[in-house]
Amino acid sequence: MDINSRKNNIGLLILRVGIGFMFILHGYPKISGGPENWYSLREKAMTAVGLGFGFTFFGFMAAFSEFCGGILIFLGLGTRYAAALMLITMIIASTLHLTQGDGIMGASHAIESGIFFLALVFIGPGKFSIDDRYCNQKN
């Protein structure tokens, strides 16, 4: 591995670990909140995208994608799949903020996170990951 490739992979590791850790912290209260929390978590969001059903299921999926997806991205395991799931969650979150009138600044965290997850789907986890070491997923 040449020096530039090594630096790029270290940078990707820092991004993955940092964002993954923050989503673990962000998702833990949601996943541990239970069905009542999952329902209220997604009622407005799913209505904003035109779905008037399954609020508890979609709330659980959002909490699951943030918490478990954060763990997977942190570890670099199933990274592209976790990033895709989290990207969908961020699209829904962005839509909710924008339809509630929060404007671009209110939706900025979800949009920025979505951009990161979209890039991670294409880039992959990098050399310093479980995917690269054991799953033979090449970048």
Protein backbone atom coordinates (compact mmCIF):
# COMPACT_ATOMS: atom_id res chain seq x y z
CA MET A 1 0.00 0.00 0.00
CA ASP A 2 1.57 3.29 -1.03
CA ILE A 3 1.64 6.30 1.33
CA ASN A 4 -1.29 8.14 -0.31
CA SER A 5 -3.47 5.04 -0.26
CA ARG A 6 -2.59 4.48 3.40
CA LYS A 7 -3.46 8.09 4.26
CA ASN A 8 -6.78 7.80 2.41
CA ASN A 9 -7.62 4.61 4.28
CA ILE A 10 -6.70 6.16 7.63
CA GLY A 11 -8.93 9.14 6.79
CA LEU A 12 -11.79 6.80 5.89
CA LEU A 13 -11.24 4.88 9.14
CA ILE A 14 -11.47 8.13 11.14
CA LEU A 15 -14.70 9.10 9.35
CA ARG A 16 -16.23 5.64 9.78
CA VAL A 17 -15.35 5.34 13.46
CA GLY A 18 -16.36 8.92 14.29
CA ILE A 19 -19.70 8.93 12.48
CA GLY A 20 -20.44 5.34 13.50
CA PHE A 21 -19.84 6.17 17.18
CA MET A 22 -22.03 9.27 17.01
CA PHE A 23 -24.87 7.28 15.43
CA ILE A 24 -24.54 4.63 18.13
CA LEU A 25 -25.03 7.39 20.72
CA HIS A 26 -27.82 8.98 18.66
CA GLY A 27 -29.66 5.71 18.04
CA TYR A 28 -29.38 4.08 21.48
CA PRO A 29 -32.16 6.10 23.15
CA LYS A 30 -34.38 5.42 20.16
CA ILE A 31 -33.82 1.66 20.06
CA SER A 32 -34.19 1.30 23.84
CA GLY A 33 -37.34 3.47 23.92
CA GLY A 34 -39.68 0.64 22.97
CA PRO A 35 -42.79 0.48 20.78
CA GLU A 36 -44.43 3.66 22.11
CA ASN A 37 -41.30 5.61 21.27
CA TRP A 38 -40.99 3.93 17.86
CA TYR A 39 -44.57 4.87 17.01
CA SER A 40 -44.17 8.54 17.94
CA LEU A 41 -40.71 8.63 16.34
CA ARG A 42 -42.11 7.89 12.89
CA GLU A 43 -45.74 9.01 12.87
CA LYS A 44 -44.97 12.48 11.51
CA ALA A 45 -42.08 11.29 9.35
CA MET A 46 -44.02 8.60 7.52
CA THR A 47 -47.01 10.89 7.07
CA ALA A 48 -44.63 13.46 5.54
CA VAL A 49 -43.69 10.97 2.81
CA GLY A 50 -47.28 9.87 2.22
CA LEU A 51 -47.48 6.68 4.29
CA GLY A 52 -50.23 6.58 6.89
CA PHE A 53 -49.50 3.15 8.35
CA GLY A 54 -46.78 1.07 10.02
CA PHE A 55 -45.52 3.81 12.30
CA THR A 56 -44.21 1.41 14.96
CA PHE A 57 -42.45 -0.76 12.36
CA PHE A 58 -40.86 2.21 10.58
CA GLY A 59 -39.90 3.77 13.92
CA PHE A 60 -38.18 0.56 14.91
CA MET A 61 -36.41 0.42 11.53
CA ALA A 62 -35.17 4.00 11.94
CA ALA A 63 -33.90 3.29 15.46
CA PHE A 64 -32.37 -0.01 14.29
CA SER A 65 -30.64 1.59 11.31
CA GLU A 66 -29.14 4.37 13.43
CA PHE A 67 -28.00 2.20 16.35
CA CYS A 68 -27.07 -1.07 14.64
CA GLY A 69 -25.97 0.69 11.46
CA GLY A 70 -23.70 2.86 13.60
CA ILE A 71 -22.13 -0.25 15.12
CA LEU A 72 -21.62 -1.87 11.70
CA ILE A 73 -20.11 1.27 10.17
CA PHE A 74 -17.88 1.72 13.24
CA LEU A 75 -16.58 -1.84 12.76
CA GLY A 76 -16.52 -1.75 8.98
CA LEU A 77 -18.76 -4.82 8.78
CA GLY A 78 -21.50 -4.93 6.15
CA THR A 79 -20.62 -1.29 5.62
CA ARG A 80 -22.29 -0.71 2.27
CA TYR A 81 -25.54 -2.35 3.40
CA ALA A 82 -25.59 -0.43 6.68
CA ALA A 83 -24.84 2.83 4.85
CA ALA A 84 -27.67 2.20 2.38
CA LEU A 85 -30.12 1.57 5.24
CA MET A 86 -28.95 4.71 7.03
CA LEU A 87 -29.18 6.72 3.80
CA ILE A 88 -32.86 5.81 3.52
CA THR A 89 -33.39 6.89 7.13
CA MET A 90 -31.67 10.22 6.44
CA ILE A 91 -33.80 10.81 3.33
CA ILE A 92 -36.95 10.33 5.43
CA ALA A 93 -35.56 12.56 8.20
CA SER A 94 -34.65 15.29 5.68
CA THR A 95 -38.10 15.10 4.12
CA LEU A 96 -39.72 15.43 7.55
CA HIS A 97 -37.70 18.52 8.43
CA LEU A 98 -38.35 20.16 5.08
CA THR A 99 -42.10 19.45 5.09
CA GLN A 100 -42.40 20.75 8.67
CA GLY A 101 -41.01 24.07 7.54
CA ASP A 102 -37.65 23.72 9.29
CA GLY A 103 -35.90 24.77 6.09
CA ILE A 104 -32.52 23.64 4.88
CA MET A 105 -30.83 24.51 8.18
CA GLY A 106 -33.26 22.35 10.14
CA ALA A 107 -32.64 19.46 7.78
CA SER A 108 -28.89 20.02 7.48
CA HIS A 109 -27.78 17.27 9.89
CA ALA A 110 -29.85 14.64 8.10
CA ILE A 111 -28.75 15.90 4.67
CA GLU A 112 -25.06 15.97 5.64
CA SER A 113 -25.30 12.48 7.13
CA GLY A 114 -27.11 11.25 4.03
CA ILE A 115 -24.32 12.59 1.82
CA PHE A 116 -21.76 10.74 3.94
CA PHE A 117 -23.73 7.47 3.77
CA LEU A 118 -24.22 7.79 0.01
CA ALA A 119 -20.47 8.27 -0.43
CA LEU A 120 -19.80 5.28 1.83
CA VAL A 121 -22.04 3.09 -0.35
CA PHE A 122 -19.75 3.90 -3.31
CA ILE A 123 -16.38 4.07 -1.54
CA GLY A 124 -16.78 1.13 0.80
CA PRO A 125 -15.20 0.73 4.23
CA GLY A 126 -11.52 1.00 3.31
CA LYS A 127 -8.59 -1.29 4.14
CA PHE A 128 -8.93 -0.97 7.91
CA SER A 129 -12.24 -2.80 8.23
CA ILE A 130 -13.65 -6.22 8.96
CA ASP A 131 -15.17 -6.23 5.47
CA ASP A 132 -11.76 -5.88 3.85
CA ARG A 133 -10.03 -8.32 6.18
CA TYR A 134 -12.53 -11.18 6.24
CA CYS A 135 -15.27 -10.61 3.69
CA ASN A 136 -13.13 -9.89 0.62
CA GLN A 137 -15.15 -6.79 -0.27
CA LYS A 138 -12.75 -4.81 -2.42
CA ASN A 139 -13.08 -1.04 -2.74
